[in-house]
Amino acid sequence: MKSTANVEFLRSIARIVEPQRGLPVVLSDPKDDPVVYTAVAAGADILCVRDRHFYEPAVVAFCRREDIRIMDDLALLELLSEKP
């Protein structure tokens, strides 16, 4: 089954991280903060989200300081299609 192979592939490349705790970042929806702090702990380059709260200036600025780009799924697919 193809989806099982996809899940197994993701398991093989995934790693578990402990998100940091810090000051609130997503002020309009504090439940989103663990997502941001997990990306920081993982050393993510990109945080792919469609939730509008992540595009607020304070969240974008915080992620930029952590060298994390925020983009939606279409922008990520476009970026991935540009790479050789």
C-alpha atoms as a PDB file:
ATOM      1  CA  MET A   1       0.000   0.000   0.000  1.00  0.00           C
ATOM      2  CA  LYS A   2       1.487   3.336  -1.092  1.00  0.00           C
ATOM      3  CA  SER A   3       0.402   5.374   1.955  1.00  0.00           C
ATOM      4  CA  THR A   4       2.128   2.881   4.252  1.00  0.00           C
ATOM      5  CA  ALA A   5       5.349   3.371   2.320  1.00  0.00           C
ATOM      6  CA  ASN A   6       4.986   7.139   2.664  1.00  0.00           C
ATOM      7  CA  VAL A   7       4.473   6.861   6.418  1.00  0.00           C
ATOM      8  CA  GLU A   8       7.479   4.567   6.747  1.00  0.00           C
ATOM      9  CA  PHE A   9       9.609   6.988   4.735  1.00  0.00           C
ATOM     10  CA  LEU A  10       8.575   9.874   6.974  1.00  0.00           C
ATOM     11  CA  ARG A  11       9.388   7.813  10.059  1.00  0.00           C
ATOM     12  CA  SER A  12      12.832   7.047   8.674  1.00  0.00           C
ATOM     13  CA  ILE A  13      13.735  10.720   8.225  1.00  0.00           C
ATOM     14  CA  ALA A  14      11.857  12.214  11.194  1.00  0.00           C
ATOM     15  CA  ARG A  15      13.317  13.049  14.560  1.00  0.00           C
ATOM     16  CA  ILE A  16      11.623  13.902  17.814  1.00  0.00           C
ATOM     17  CA  VAL A  17      12.439  17.261  19.358  1.00  0.00           C
ATOM     18  CA  GLU A  18      11.493  18.880  22.628  1.00  0.00           C
ATOM     19  CA  PRO A  19       9.993  22.284  21.904  1.00  0.00           C
ATOM     20  CA  GLN A  20      11.421  25.162  23.832  1.00  0.00           C
ATOM     21  CA  ARG A  21       9.204  27.261  26.011  1.00  0.00           C
ATOM     22  CA  GLY A  22       9.316  30.965  25.744  1.00  0.00           C
ATOM     23  CA  LEU A  23       7.395  34.160  25.651  1.00  0.00           C
ATOM     24  CA  PRO A  24       4.140  34.159  23.700  1.00  0.00           C
ATOM     25  CA  VAL A  25       4.683  34.614  19.987  1.00  0.00           C
ATOM     26  CA  VAL A  26       1.267  34.126  18.370  1.00  0.00           C
ATOM     27  CA  LEU A  27      -0.649  36.580  20.508  1.00  0.00           C
ATOM     28  CA  SER A  28      -3.961  36.104  18.687  1.00  0.00           C
ATOM     29  CA  ASP A  29      -3.861  32.319  19.216  1.00  0.00           C
ATOM     30  CA  PRO A  30      -1.462  31.152  21.959  1.00  0.00           C
ATOM     31  CA  LYS A  31      -2.278  27.516  21.112  1.00  0.00           C
ATOM     32  CA  ASP A  32      -0.123  28.036  17.995  1.00  0.00           C
ATOM     33  CA  ASP A  33       3.001  28.832  20.021  1.00  0.00           C
ATOM     34  CA  PRO A  34       4.040  25.160  20.410  1.00  0.00           C
ATOM     35  CA  VAL A  35       4.160  24.885  16.615  1.00  0.00           C
ATOM     36  CA  VAL A  36       6.525  27.849  16.391  1.00  0.00           C
ATOM     37  CA  TYR A  37       8.711  26.623  19.245  1.00  0.00           C
ATOM     38  CA  THR A  38       8.846  23.100  17.786  1.00  0.00           C
ATOM     39  CA  ALA A  39      10.101  24.573  14.509  1.00  0.00           C
ATOM     40  CA  VAL A  40      12.767  26.484  16.436  1.00  0.00           C
ATOM     41  CA  ALA A  41      13.839  23.392  18.391  1.00  0.00           C
ATOM     42  CA  ALA A  42      14.030  21.355  15.191  1.00  0.00           C
ATOM     43  CA  GLY A  43      16.125  23.969  13.423  1.00  0.00           C
ATOM     44  CA  ALA A  44      13.512  24.230  10.682  1.00  0.00           C
ATOM     45  CA  ASP A  45      14.217  26.359   7.638  1.00  0.00           C
ATOM     46  CA  ILE A  46      10.567  26.646   6.664  1.00  0.00           C
ATOM     47  CA  LEU A  47       7.307  26.554   8.562  1.00  0.00           C
ATOM     48  CA  CYS A  48       4.564  25.604   6.118  1.00  0.00           C
ATOM     49  CA  VAL A  49       1.190  26.757   7.448  1.00  0.00           C
ATOM     50  CA  ARG A  50      -2.069  28.147   6.121  1.00  0.00           C
ATOM     51  CA  ASP A  51      -3.264  29.538   9.461  1.00  0.00           C
ATOM     52  CA  ARG A  52      -3.422  33.323   9.123  1.00  0.00           C
ATOM     53  CA  HIS A  53      -2.138  33.832  12.689  1.00  0.00           C
ATOM     54  CA  PHE A  54       1.337  32.751  11.612  1.00  0.00           C
ATOM     55  CA  TYR A  55       1.528  35.611   9.100  1.00  0.00           C
ATOM     56  CA  GLU A  56       1.106  38.358  11.693  1.00  0.00           C
ATOM     57  CA  PRO A  57       4.094  40.749  11.705  1.00  0.00           C
ATOM     58  CA  ALA A  58       5.282  39.755  15.198  1.00  0.00           C
ATOM     59  CA  VAL A  59       5.261  36.049  14.320  1.00  0.00           C
ATOM     60  CA  VAL A  60       7.026  36.618  11.003  1.00  0.00           C
ATOM     61  CA  ALA A  61       9.655  38.771  12.749  1.00  0.00           C
ATOM     62  CA  PHE A  62      10.226  36.157  15.459  1.00  0.00           C
ATOM     63  CA  CYS A  63      10.642  33.402  12.887  1.00  0.00           C
ATOM     64  CA  ARG A  64      12.935  35.569  10.759  1.00  0.00           C
ATOM     65  CA  ARG A  65      15.219  36.044  13.782  1.00  0.00           C
ATOM     66  CA  GLU A  66      15.326  32.245  14.047  1.00  0.00           C
ATOM     67  CA  ASP A  67      16.045  31.932  10.285  1.00  0.00           C
ATOM     68  CA  ILE A  68      12.666  30.309   9.659  1.00  0.00           C
ATOM     69  CA  ARG A  69      10.637  31.282   6.619  1.00  0.00           C
ATOM     70  CA  ILE A  70       6.853  31.054   6.843  1.00  0.00           C
ATOM     71  CA  MET A  71       4.997  30.028   3.718  1.00  0.00           C
ATOM     72  CA  ASP A  72       1.832  28.292   2.659  1.00  0.00           C
ATOM     73  CA  ASP A  73       1.656  24.977   0.860  1.00  0.00           C
ATOM     74  CA  LEU A  74       1.535  26.501  -2.623  1.00  0.00           C
ATOM     75  CA  ALA A  75       4.612  28.647  -2.016  1.00  0.00           C
ATOM     76  CA  LEU A  76       6.460  25.633  -0.635  1.00  0.00           C
ATOM     77  CA  LEU A  77       5.553  23.507  -3.657  1.00  0.00           C
ATOM     78  CA  GLU A  78       6.743  26.307  -5.934  1.00  0.00           C
ATOM     79  CA  LEU A  79      10.038  26.544  -4.025  1.00  0.00           C
ATOM     80  CA  LEU A  80      10.536  22.795  -4.174  1.00  0.00           C
ATOM     81  CA  SER A  81       9.847  22.698  -7.897  1.00  0.00           C
ATOM     82  CA  GLU A  82      12.613  25.302  -8.482  1.00  0.00           C
ATOM     83  CA  LYS A  83      15.305  23.172  -6.869  1.00  0.00           C
ATOM     84  CA  PRO A  84      17.235  20.805  -9.154  1.00  0.00           C
END
